[in-house]
Amino acid sequence: NYPRAMDFFVQSLKIYKEIDDKMGIANTYLNIGSIYRLQANYNKALEY
């Protein structure tokens, strides 16, 4: 359920950015990238 997953990843990323948690931001970027990879959007996956 990639749209639902992305909703939660975006929420998580927003919080991690607010508290400046670099490791949390990095882990969230990795998960967002994996959603794009699973959807064969390789350019966006590489970006994240």
All heavy atoms as atom14 arrays in JSON, in Angstrom:
{
  "sequence": "NYPRAMDFFVQSLKIYKEIDDKMGIANTYLNIGSIYRLQANYNKALEY",
  "atom14_mask": [
    [1, 1, 1, 1, 1, 1, 1, 1, 0, 0, 0, 0, 0, 0],
    [1, 1, 1, 1, 1, 1, 1, 1, 1, 1, 1, 1, 0, 0],
    [1, 1, 1, 1, 1, 1, 1, 0, 0, 0, 0, 0, 0, 0],
    [1, 1, 1, 1, 1, 1, 1, 1, 1, 1, 1, 0, 0, 0],
    [1, 1, 1, 1, 1, 0, 0, 0, 0, 0, 0, 0, 0, 0],
    [1, 1, 1, 1, 1, 1, 1, 1, 0, 0, 0, 0, 0, 0],
    [1, 1, 1, 1, 1, 1, 1, 1, 0, 0, 0, 0, 0, 0],
    [1, 1, 1, 1, 1, 1, 1, 1, 1, 1, 1, 0, 0, 0],
    [1, 1, 1, 1, 1, 1, 1, 1, 1, 1, 1, 0, 0, 0],
    [1, 1, 1, 1, 1, 1, 1, 0, 0, 0, 0, 0, 0, 0],
    [1, 1, 1, 1, 1, 1, 1, 1, 1, 0, 0, 0, 0, 0],
    [1, 1, 1, 1, 1, 1, 0, 0, 0, 0, 0, 0, 0, 0],
    [1, 1, 1, 1, 1, 1, 1, 1, 0, 0, 0, 0, 0, 0],
    [1, 1, 1, 1, 1, 1, 1, 1, 1, 0, 0, 0, 0, 0],
    [1, 1, 1, 1, 1, 1, 1, 1, 0, 0, 0, 0, 0, 0],
    [1, 1, 1, 1, 1, 1, 1, 1, 1, 1, 1, 1, 0, 0],
    [1, 1, 1, 1, 1, 1, 1, 1, 1, 0, 0, 0, 0, 0],
    [1, 1, 1, 1, 1, 1, 1, 1, 1, 0, 0, 0, 0, 0],
    [1, 1, 1, 1, 1, 1, 1, 1, 0, 0, 0, 0, 0, 0],
    [1, 1, 1, 1, 1, 1, 1, 1, 0, 0, 0, 0, 0, 0],
    [1, 1, 1, 1, 1, 1, 1, 1, 0, 0, 0, 0, 0, 0],
    [1, 1, 1, 1, 1, 1, 1, 1, 1, 0, 0, 0, 0, 0],
    [1, 1, 1, 1, 1, 1, 1, 1, 0, 0, 0, 0, 0, 0],
    [1, 1, 1, 1, 0, 0, 0, 0, 0, 0, 0, 0, 0, 0],
    [1, 1, 1, 1, 1, 1, 1, 1, 0, 0, 0, 0, 0, 0],
    [1, 1, 1, 1, 1, 0, 0, 0, 0, 0, 0, 0, 0, 0],
    [1, 1, 1, 1, 1, 1, 1, 1, 0, 0, 0, 0, 0, 0],
    [1, 1, 1, 1, 1, 1, 1, 0, 0, 0, 0, 0, 0, 0],
    [1, 1, 1, 1, 1, 1, 1, 1, 1, 1, 1, 1, 0, 0],
    [1, 1, 1, 1, 1, 1, 1, 1, 0, 0, 0, 0, 0, 0],
    [1, 1, 1, 1, 1, 1, 1, 1, 0, 0, 0, 0, 0, 0],
    [1, 1, 1, 1, 1, 1, 1, 1, 0, 0, 0, 0, 0, 0],
    [1, 1, 1, 1, 0, 0, 0, 0, 0, 0, 0, 0, 0, 0],
    [1, 1, 1, 1, 1, 1, 0, 0, 0, 0, 0, 0, 0, 0],
    [1, 1, 1, 1, 1, 1, 1, 1, 0, 0, 0, 0, 0, 0],
    [1, 1, 1, 1, 1, 1, 1, 1, 1, 1, 1, 1, 0, 0],
    [1, 1, 1, 1, 1, 1, 1, 1, 1, 1, 1, 0, 0, 0],
    [1, 1, 1, 1, 1, 1, 1, 1, 0, 0, 0, 0, 0, 0],
    [1, 1, 1, 1, 1, 1, 1, 1, 1, 0, 0, 0, 0, 0],
    [1, 1, 1, 1, 1, 0, 0, 0, 0, 0, 0, 0, 0, 0],
    [1, 1, 1, 1, 1, 1, 1, 1, 0, 0, 0, 0, 0, 0],
    [1, 1, 1, 1, 1, 1, 1, 1, 1, 1, 1, 1, 0, 0],
    [1, 1, 1, 1, 1, 1, 1, 1, 0, 0, 0, 0, 0, 0],
    [1, 1, 1, 1, 1, 1, 1, 1, 1, 0, 0, 0, 0, 0],
    [1, 1, 1, 1, 1, 0, 0, 0, 0, 0, 0, 0, 0, 0],
    [1, 1, 1, 1, 1, 1, 1, 1, 0, 0, 0, 0, 0, 0],
    [1, 1, 1, 1, 1, 1, 1, 1, 1, 0, 0, 0, 0, 0],
    [1, 1, 1, 1, 1, 1, 1, 1, 1, 1, 1, 1, 0, 0]
  ],
  "atom14_positions": [
    [[0.86, -1.18, 0.0], [0.0, 0.0, 0.0], [0.9, 1.23, 0.0], [1.09, 1.9, 1.02], [-0.92, -0.03, 1.22], [-1.98, 1.06, 1.18], [-1.86, 2.05, 0.46], [-3.02, 0.89, 1.99], [0.0, 0.0, 0.0], [0.0, 0.0, 0.0], [0.0, 0.0, 0.0], [0.0, 0.0, 0.0], [0.0, 0.0, 0.0], [0.0, 0.0, 0.0]],
    [[1.47, 1.53, -1.16], [2.49, 2.58, -1.26], [1.97, 3.98, -0.98], [2.67, 4.76, -0.3], [3.18, 2.51, -2.63], [3.8, 1.16, -2.91], [3.7, 0.58, -4.16], [4.48, 0.46, -1.91], [4.26, -0.67, -4.41], [5.04, -0.78, -2.15], [4.92, -1.35, -3.41], [5.47, -2.58, -3.66], [0.0, 0.0, 0.0], [0.0, 0.0, 0.0]],
    [[0.75, 4.34, -1.42], [0.27, 5.68, -1.07], [0.12, 5.88, 0.44], [0.5, 6.92, 0.99], [-1.1, 5.77, -1.77], [-1.02, 4.78, -2.89], [-0.15, 3.66, -2.36], [0.0, 0.0, 0.0], [0.0, 0.0, 0.0], [0.0, 0.0, 0.0], [0.0, 0.0, 0.0], [0.0, 0.0, 0.0], [0.0, 0.0, 0.0], [0.0, 0.0, 0.0]],
    [[-0.4, 4.86, 1.12], [-0.57, 4.97, 2.59], [0.81, 5.02, 3.27], [1.01, 5.8, 4.2], [-1.37, 3.76, 3.08], [-1.81, 3.88, 4.51], [-3.17, 4.58, 4.58], [-3.69, 4.44, 5.92], [-3.86, 5.46, 6.75], [-3.61, 6.67, 6.38], [-4.34, 5.25, 7.96], [0.0, 0.0, 0.0], [0.0, 0.0, 0.0], [0.0, 0.0, 0.0]],
    [[1.73, 4.19, 2.79], [3.09, 4.2, 3.34], [3.72, 5.58, 3.17], [4.31, 6.13, 4.11], [3.95, 3.14, 2.65], [0.0, 0.0, 0.0], [0.0, 0.0, 0.0], [0.0, 0.0, 0.0], [0.0, 0.0, 0.0], [0.0, 0.0, 0.0], [0.0, 0.0, 0.0], [0.0, 0.0, 0.0], [0.0, 0.0, 0.0], [0.0, 0.0, 0.0]],
    [[3.57, 6.15, 1.97], [4.17, 7.45, 1.7], [3.58, 8.52, 2.62], [4.31, 9.39, 3.1], [3.97, 7.82, 0.23], [4.74, 9.06, -0.18], [6.54, 8.85, -0.11], [6.82, 8.15, -1.73], [0.0, 0.0, 0.0], [0.0, 0.0, 0.0], [0.0, 0.0, 0.0], [0.0, 0.0, 0.0], [0.0, 0.0, 0.0], [0.0, 0.0, 0.0]],
    [[2.28, 8.44, 2.9], [1.66, 9.4, 3.83], [2.37, 9.38, 5.18], [2.69, 10.43, 5.75], [0.18, 9.08, 4.04], [-0.7, 9.43, 2.85], [-0.25, 10.2, 1.97], [-1.84, 8.93, 2.8], [0.0, 0.0, 0.0], [0.0, 0.0, 0.0], [0.0, 0.0, 0.0], [0.0, 0.0, 0.0], [0.0, 0.0, 0.0], [0.0, 0.0, 0.0]],
    [[2.62, 8.18, 5.69], [3.28, 8.06, 7.0], [4.75, 8.48, 6.93], [5.26, 9.09, 7.86], [3.12, 6.64, 7.56], [1.77, 6.42, 8.19], [0.72, 5.9, 7.45], [1.54, 6.77, 9.5], [-0.53, 5.73, 8.01], [0.29, 6.6, 10.09], [-0.75, 6.08, 9.34], [0.0, 0.0, 0.0], [0.0, 0.0, 0.0], [0.0, 0.0, 0.0]],
    [[5.42, 8.17, 5.82], [6.81, 8.59, 5.69], [6.93, 10.11, 5.64], [7.83, 10.69, 6.25], [7.45, 7.97, 4.44], [7.6, 6.47, 4.5], [7.69, 5.73, 3.34], [7.66, 5.79, 5.71], [7.84, 4.35, 3.38], [7.81, 4.41, 5.77], [7.89, 3.69, 4.6], [0.0, 0.0, 0.0], [0.0, 0.0, 0.0], [0.0, 0.0, 0.0]],
    [[6.01, 10.77, 4.94], [6.03, 12.23, 4.87], [5.79, 12.83, 6.25], [6.46, 13.79, 6.64], [5.01, 12.73, 3.81], [4.82, 14.24, 3.91], [5.47, 12.34, 2.4], [0.0, 0.0, 0.0], [0.0, 0.0, 0.0], [0.0, 0.0, 0.0], [0.0, 0.0, 0.0], [0.0, 0.0, 0.0], [0.0, 0.0, 0.0], [0.0, 0.0, 0.0]],
    [[4.84, 12.27, 7.0], [4.58, 12.74, 8.37], [5.83, 12.58, 9.24], [6.21, 13.49, 9.99], [3.44, 11.95, 9.01], [2.07, 12.23, 8.46], [1.05, 11.29, 9.1], [1.03, 11.12, 10.32], [0.21, 10.67, 8.28], [0.0, 0.0, 0.0], [0.0, 0.0, 0.0], [0.0, 0.0, 0.0], [0.0, 0.0, 0.0], [0.0, 0.0, 0.0]],
    [[6.46, 11.41, 9.13], [7.65, 11.13, 9.92], [8.78, 12.09, 9.54], [9.46, 12.64, 10.42], [8.08, 9.68, 9.69], [9.25, 9.4, 10.38], [0.0, 0.0, 0.0], [0.0, 0.0, 0.0], [0.0, 0.0, 0.0], [0.0, 0.0, 0.0], [0.0, 0.0, 0.0], [0.0, 0.0, 0.0], [0.0, 0.0, 0.0], [0.0, 0.0, 0.0]],
    [[8.99, 12.29, 8.25], [10.05, 13.19, 7.77], [9.85, 14.59, 8.31], [10.81, 15.24, 8.76], [10.09, 13.18, 6.24], [11.17, 14.04, 5.6], [12.56, 13.56, 6.01], [11.02, 14.01, 4.07], [0.0, 0.0, 0.0], [0.0, 0.0, 0.0], [0.0, 0.0, 0.0], [0.0, 0.0, 0.0], [0.0, 0.0, 0.0], [0.0, 0.0, 0.0]],
    [[8.61, 15.07, 8.29], [8.32, 16.41, 8.8], [8.74, 16.53, 10.26], [9.37, 17.52, 10.66], [6.82, 16.71, 8.64], [6.44, 18.09, 9.08], [4.94, 18.33, 8.91], [4.61, 19.72, 9.43], [3.25, 19.85, 9.87], [0.0, 0.0, 0.0], [0.0, 0.0, 0.0], [0.0, 0.0, 0.0], [0.0, 0.0, 0.0], [0.0, 0.0, 0.0]],
    [[8.41, 15.54, 11.06], [8.76, 15.58, 12.49], [10.27, 15.52, 12.66], [10.85, 16.3, 13.42], [8.07, 14.44, 13.26], [6.55, 14.58, 13.2], [8.55, 14.42, 14.72], [5.8, 13.35, 13.68], [0.0, 0.0, 0.0], [0.0, 0.0, 0.0], [0.0, 0.0, 0.0], [0.0, 0.0, 0.0], [0.0, 0.0, 0.0], [0.0, 0.0, 0.0]],
    [[10.91, 14.59, 11.97], [12.37, 14.48, 12.1], [13.07, 15.77, 11.7], [14.06, 16.17, 12.31], [12.9, 13.31, 11.27], [12.76, 11.96, 11.93], [12.21, 10.88, 11.24], [13.19, 11.74, 13.23], [12.09, 9.63, 11.83], [13.07, 10.49, 13.84], [12.52, 9.45, 13.13], [12.41, 8.22, 13.72], [0.0, 0.0, 0.0], [0.0, 0.0, 0.0]],
    [[12.56, 16.45, 10.66], [13.15, 17.73, 10.26], [12.93, 18.79, 11.32], [13.84, 19.58, 11.61], [12.58, 18.18, 8.91], [13.16, 17.42, 7.73], [12.62, 17.96, 6.41], [13.32, 17.32, 5.23], [12.83, 17.85, 3.94], [0.0, 0.0, 0.0], [0.0, 0.0, 0.0], [0.0, 0.0, 0.0], [0.0, 0.0, 0.0], [0.0, 0.0, 0.0]],
    [[11.74, 18.8, 11.93], [11.44, 19.78, 12.98], [12.38, 19.65, 14.16], [12.75, 20.65, 14.77], [9.99, 19.63, 13.44], [8.97, 20.16, 12.47], [7.53, 19.86, 12.88], [7.3, 19.29, 13.98], [6.62, 20.18, 12.08], [0.0, 0.0, 0.0], [0.0, 0.0, 0.0], [0.0, 0.0, 0.0], [0.0, 0.0, 0.0], [0.0, 0.0, 0.0]],
    [[12.74, 18.41, 14.5], [13.63, 18.22, 15.66], [15.08, 18.05, 15.25], [15.94, 17.8, 16.09], [13.16, 17.04, 16.54], [13.17, 15.71, 15.77], [11.79, 17.33, 17.13], [12.88, 14.49, 16.63], [0.0, 0.0, 0.0], [0.0, 0.0, 0.0], [0.0, 0.0, 0.0], [0.0, 0.0, 0.0], [0.0, 0.0, 0.0], [0.0, 0.0, 0.0]],
    [[15.35, 18.18, 13.95], [16.7, 18.08, 13.38], [17.4, 16.77, 13.76], [18.55, 16.76, 14.17], [17.55, 19.29, 13.8], [18.8, 19.43, 12.93], [18.75, 19.1, 11.73], [19.84, 19.87, 13.47], [0.0, 0.0, 0.0], [0.0, 0.0, 0.0], [0.0, 0.0, 0.0], [0.0, 0.0, 0.0], [0.0, 0.0, 0.0], [0.0, 0.0, 0.0]],
    [[16.67, 15.67, 13.6], [17.22, 14.34, 13.86], [17.75, 13.79, 12.55], [17.01, 13.27, 11.72], [16.13, 13.43, 14.42], [16.63, 12.04, 14.78], [17.47, 11.49, 14.05], [16.15, 11.49, 15.8], [0.0, 0.0, 0.0], [0.0, 0.0, 0.0], [0.0, 0.0, 0.0], [0.0, 0.0, 0.0], [0.0, 0.0, 0.0], [0.0, 0.0, 0.0]],
    [[19.05, 13.94, 12.35], [19.68, 13.58, 11.07], [19.5, 12.1, 10.74], [19.21, 11.75, 9.59], [21.17, 13.93, 11.08], [21.48, 15.38, 11.28], [21.21, 16.17, 10.03], [21.76, 17.58, 10.2], [21.08, 18.53, 9.37], [0.0, 0.0, 0.0], [0.0, 0.0, 0.0], [0.0, 0.0, 0.0], [0.0, 0.0, 0.0], [0.0, 0.0, 0.0]],
    [[19.68, 11.23, 11.7], [19.54, 9.8, 11.44], [18.1, 9.46, 11.08], [17.86, 8.66, 10.16], [20.0, 8.97, 12.65], [20.06, 7.48, 12.37], [21.19, 7.02, 11.03], [22.74, 7.12, 11.89], [0.0, 0.0, 0.0], [0.0, 0.0, 0.0], [0.0, 0.0, 0.0], [0.0, 0.0, 0.0], [0.0, 0.0, 0.0], [0.0, 0.0, 0.0]],
    [[17.15, 10.06, 11.77], [15.75, 9.85, 11.44], [15.42, 10.34, 10.04], [14.69, 9.68, 9.29], [0.0, 0.0, 0.0], [0.0, 0.0, 0.0], [0.0, 0.0, 0.0], [0.0, 0.0, 0.0], [0.0, 0.0, 0.0], [0.0, 0.0, 0.0], [0.0, 0.0, 0.0], [0.0, 0.0, 0.0], [0.0, 0.0, 0.0], [0.0, 0.0, 0.0]],
    [[15.94, 11.5, 9.68], [15.73, 12.04, 8.33], [16.31, 11.09, 7.3], [15.66, 10.75, 6.3], [16.37, 13.45, 8.2], [15.65, 14.45, 9.09], [16.37, 13.91, 6.74], [16.38, 15.79, 9.26], [0.0, 0.0, 0.0], [0.0, 0.0, 0.0], [0.0, 0.0, 0.0], [0.0, 0.0, 0.0], [0.0, 0.0, 0.0], [0.0, 0.0, 0.0]],
    [[17.54, 10.62, 7.55], [18.2, 9.71, 6.6], [17.4, 8.42, 6.43], [17.19, 7.96, 5.3], [19.62, 9.4, 7.08], [0.0, 0.0, 0.0], [0.0, 0.0, 0.0], [0.0, 0.0, 0.0], [0.0, 0.0, 0.0], [0.0, 0.0, 0.0], [0.0, 0.0, 0.0], [0.0, 0.0, 0.0], [0.0, 0.0, 0.0], [0.0, 0.0, 0.0]],
    [[16.94, 7.84, 7.52], [16.17, 6.6, 7.45], [14.86, 6.8, 6.7], [14.41, 5.93, 5.95], [15.91, 6.03, 8.84], [17.17, 5.45, 9.46], [18.09, 5.06, 8.77], [17.2, 5.42, 10.78], [0.0, 0.0, 0.0], [0.0, 0.0, 0.0], [0.0, 0.0, 0.0], [0.0, 0.0, 0.0], [0.0, 0.0, 0.0], [0.0, 0.0, 0.0]],
    [[14.25, 7.96, 6.9], [13.0, 8.25, 6.21], [13.24, 8.44, 4.71], [12.47, 7.95, 3.88], [12.29, 9.46, 6.83], [12.17, 9.24, 8.25], [10.9, 9.64, 6.25], [0.0, 0.0, 0.0], [0.0, 0.0, 0.0], [0.0, 0.0, 0.0], [0.0, 0.0, 0.0], [0.0, 0.0, 0.0], [0.0, 0.0, 0.0], [0.0, 0.0, 0.0]],
    [[14.32, 9.14, 4.36], [14.68, 9.28, 2.95], [14.87, 7.9, 2.3], [14.44, 7.66, 1.18], [15.97, 10.07, 2.77], [15.84, 11.57, 2.9], [16.93, 12.34, 3.3], [14.65, 12.24, 2.62], [16.84, 13.72, 3.41], [14.55, 13.61, 2.73], [15.65, 14.36, 3.12], [15.56, 15.72, 3.23], [0.0, 0.0, 0.0], [0.0, 0.0, 0.0]],
    [[15.51, 7.01, 3.01], [15.74, 5.66, 2.5], [14.4, 4.96, 2.21], [14.23, 4.32, 1.17], [16.57, 4.85, 3.5], [17.01, 3.46, 3.08], [17.96, 3.52, 1.89], [17.71, 2.78, 4.26], [0.0, 0.0, 0.0], [0.0, 0.0, 0.0], [0.0, 0.0, 0.0], [0.0, 0.0, 0.0], [0.0, 0.0, 0.0], [0.0, 0.0, 0.0]],
    [[13.46, 5.08, 3.14], [12.15, 4.46, 2.95], [11.36, 5.11, 1.82], [10.7, 4.41, 1.04], [11.36, 4.49, 4.26], [11.74, 3.36, 5.18], [11.37, 2.22, 4.95], [12.52, 3.66, 6.2], [0.0, 0.0, 0.0], [0.0, 0.0, 0.0], [0.0, 0.0, 0.0], [0.0, 0.0, 0.0], [0.0, 0.0, 0.0], [0.0, 0.0, 0.0]],
    [[11.43, 6.43, 1.71], [10.76, 7.11, 0.6], [11.38, 6.66, -0.73], [10.66, 6.36, -1.69], [10.82, 8.64, 0.77], [9.96, 9.07, 1.96], [10.38, 9.35, -0.52], [10.09, 10.53, 2.35], [0.0, 0.0, 0.0], [0.0, 0.0, 0.0], [0.0, 0.0, 0.0], [0.0, 0.0, 0.0], [0.0, 0.0, 0.0], [0.0, 0.0, 0.0]],
    [[12.71, 6.58, -0.77], [13.38, 6.1, -1.98], [12.95, 4.7, -2.35], [12.75, 4.39, -3.54], [0.0, 0.0, 0.0], [0.0, 0.0, 0.0], [0.0, 0.0, 0.0], [0.0, 0.0, 0.0], [0.0, 0.0, 0.0], [0.0, 0.0, 0.0], [0.0, 0.0, 0.0], [0.0, 0.0, 0.0], [0.0, 0.0, 0.0], [0.0, 0.0, 0.0]],
    [[12.76, 3.86, -1.36], [12.35, 2.48, -1.65], [10.94, 2.42, -2.22], [10.64, 1.56, -3.06], [12.48, 1.58, -0.42], [11.51, 1.91, 0.55], [0.0, 0.0, 0.0], [0.0, 0.0, 0.0], [0.0, 0.0, 0.0], [0.0, 0.0, 0.0], [0.0, 0.0, 0.0], [0.0, 0.0, 0.0], [0.0, 0.0, 0.0], [0.0, 0.0, 0.0]],
    [[10.06, 3.33, -1.8], [8.71, 3.38, -2.38], [8.81, 3.73, -3.87], [8.18, 3.08, -4.71], [7.82, 4.42, -1.66], [7.51, 3.98, -0.23], [6.51, 4.66, -2.45], [6.59, 2.81, -0.1], [0.0, 0.0, 0.0], [0.0, 0.0, 0.0], [0.0, 0.0, 0.0], [0.0, 0.0, 0.0], [0.0, 0.0, 0.0], [0.0, 0.0, 0.0]],
    [[9.62, 4.74, -4.18], [9.78, 5.11, -5.59], [10.41, 3.97, -6.39], [10.01, 3.7, -7.52], [10.6, 6.39, -5.72], [9.83, 7.63, -5.36], [10.26, 8.46, -4.34], [8.67, 7.97, -6.06], [9.55, 9.61, -4.01], [7.95, 9.11, -5.72], [8.4, 9.93, -4.7], [7.69, 11.06, -4.39], [0.0, 0.0, 0.0], [0.0, 0.0, 0.0]],
    [[11.37, 3.26, -5.78], [11.99, 2.13, -6.48], [10.97, 1.03, -6.75], [10.91, 0.49, -7.85], [13.16, 1.57, -5.65], [13.85, 0.37, -6.31], [14.93, -0.23, -5.42], [14.48, -0.56, -4.08], [13.79, -1.64, -3.74], [13.44, -2.54, -4.63], [13.45, -1.86, -2.48], [0.0, 0.0, 0.0], [0.0, 0.0, 0.0], [0.0, 0.0, 0.0]],
    [[10.16, 0.74, -5.76], [9.13, -0.3, -5.92], [8.09, 0.08, -6.97], [7.46, -0.8, -7.56], [8.46, -0.59, -4.57], [9.34, -1.29, -3.54], [8.74, -1.19, -2.15], [9.58, -2.74, -3.93], [0.0, 0.0, 0.0], [0.0, 0.0, 0.0], [0.0, 0.0, 0.0], [0.0, 0.0, 0.0], [0.0, 0.0, 0.0], [0.0, 0.0, 0.0]],
    [[7.94, 1.36, -7.22], [7.0, 1.83, -8.24], [7.7, 2.06, -9.58], [7.1, 2.63, -10.48], [6.33, 3.12, -7.77], [5.43, 2.91, -6.56], [4.85, 4.21, -6.05], [5.49, 5.25, -6.0], [3.58, 4.15, -5.64], [0.0, 0.0, 0.0], [0.0, 0.0, 0.0], [0.0, 0.0, 0.0], [0.0, 0.0, 0.0], [0.0, 0.0, 0.0]],
    [[8.96, 1.65, -9.67], [9.78, 1.79, -10.89], [10.02, 3.24, -11.28], [10.29, 3.54, -12.44], [9.18, 0.99, -12.05], [0.0, 0.0, 0.0], [0.0, 0.0, 0.0], [0.0, 0.0, 0.0], [0.0, 0.0, 0.0], [0.0, 0.0, 0.0], [0.0, 0.0, 0.0], [0.0, 0.0, 0.0], [0.0, 0.0, 0.0], [0.0, 0.0, 0.0]],
    [[9.97, 4.15, -10.31], [10.31, 5.55, -10.55], [11.76, 5.74, -10.09], [12.02, 6.26, -9.01], [9.35, 6.47, -9.79], [9.54, 7.94, -10.14], [10.59, 8.33, -10.65], [8.54, 8.75, -9.84], [0.0, 0.0, 0.0], [0.0, 0.0, 0.0], [0.0, 0.0, 0.0], [0.0, 0.0, 0.0], [0.0, 0.0, 0.0], [0.0, 0.0, 0.0]],
    [[12.67, 5.26, -10.91], [14.07, 5.15, -10.51], [14.76, 6.49, -10.32], [15.62, 6.62, -9.45], [14.82, 4.25, -11.49], [14.22, 2.87, -11.56], [13.69, 2.37, -12.74], [14.14, 2.06, -10.43], [13.11, 1.11, -12.8], [13.56, 0.81, -10.46], [13.05, 0.33, -11.66], [12.48, -0.9, -11.69], [0.0, 0.0, 0.0], [0.0, 0.0, 0.0]],
    [[14.36, 7.5, -11.08], [14.98, 8.82, -10.9], [14.65, 9.39, -9.53], [15.54, 9.91, -8.85], [14.54, 9.78, -12.02], [15.17, 9.44, -13.35], [16.25, 8.85, -13.41], [14.5, 9.8, -14.44], [0.0, 0.0, 0.0], [0.0, 0.0, 0.0], [0.0, 0.0, 0.0], [0.0, 0.0, 0.0], [0.0, 0.0, 0.0], [0.0, 0.0, 0.0]],
    [[13.39, 9.28, -9.13], [13.0, 9.77, -7.8], [13.63, 8.9, -6.71], [14.05, 9.42, -5.67], [11.47, 9.77, -7.63], [10.77, 10.94, -8.26], [11.2, 12.25, -7.69], [10.17, 12.88, -6.82], [10.53, 14.27, -6.42], [0.0, 0.0, 0.0], [0.0, 0.0, 0.0], [0.0, 0.0, 0.0], [0.0, 0.0, 0.0], [0.0, 0.0, 0.0]],
    [[13.7, 7.61, -6.94], [14.34, 6.72, -5.97], [15.79, 7.14, -5.75], [16.24, 7.28, -4.61], [14.27, 5.27, -6.44], [0.0, 0.0, 0.0], [0.0, 0.0, 0.0], [0.0, 0.0, 0.0], [0.0, 0.0, 0.0], [0.0, 0.0, 0.0], [0.0, 0.0, 0.0], [0.0, 0.0, 0.0], [0.0, 0.0, 0.0], [0.0, 0.0, 0.0]],
    [[16.51, 7.37, -6.85], [17.91, 7.8, -6.73], [18.04, 9.13, -6.02], [18.95, 9.33, -5.21], [18.56, 7.87, -8.12], [18.99, 6.54, -8.71], [19.41, 6.71, -10.17], [20.11, 5.92, -7.89], [0.0, 0.0, 0.0], [0.0, 0.0, 0.0], [0.0, 0.0, 0.0], [0.0, 0.0, 0.0], [0.0, 0.0, 0.0], [0.0, 0.0, 0.0]],
    [[17.11, 10.03, -6.28], [17.13, 11.34, -5.62], [17.11, 11.17, -4.09], [17.89, 11.78, -3.36], [15.92, 12.16, -6.08], [15.77, 13.5, -5.4], [14.46, 14.2, -5.78], [13.94, 13.98, -6.89], [13.94, 14.96, -4.92], [0.0, 0.0, 0.0], [0.0, 0.0, 0.0], [0.0, 0.0, 0.0], [0.0, 0.0, 0.0], [0.0, 0.0, 0.0]],
    [[16.22, 10.3, -3.62], [16.11, 10.1, -2.17], [17.25, 9.24, -1.62], [17.7, 9.46, -0.49], [14.73, 9.54, -1.8], [13.71, 10.65, -1.76], [12.99, 11.0, -2.9], [13.5, 11.38, -0.61], [12.08, 12.04, -2.88], [12.6, 12.43, -0.57], [11.9, 12.75, -1.71], [11.01, 13.8, -1.68], [0.0, 0.0, 0.0], [0.0, 0.0, 0.0]]
  ]
}
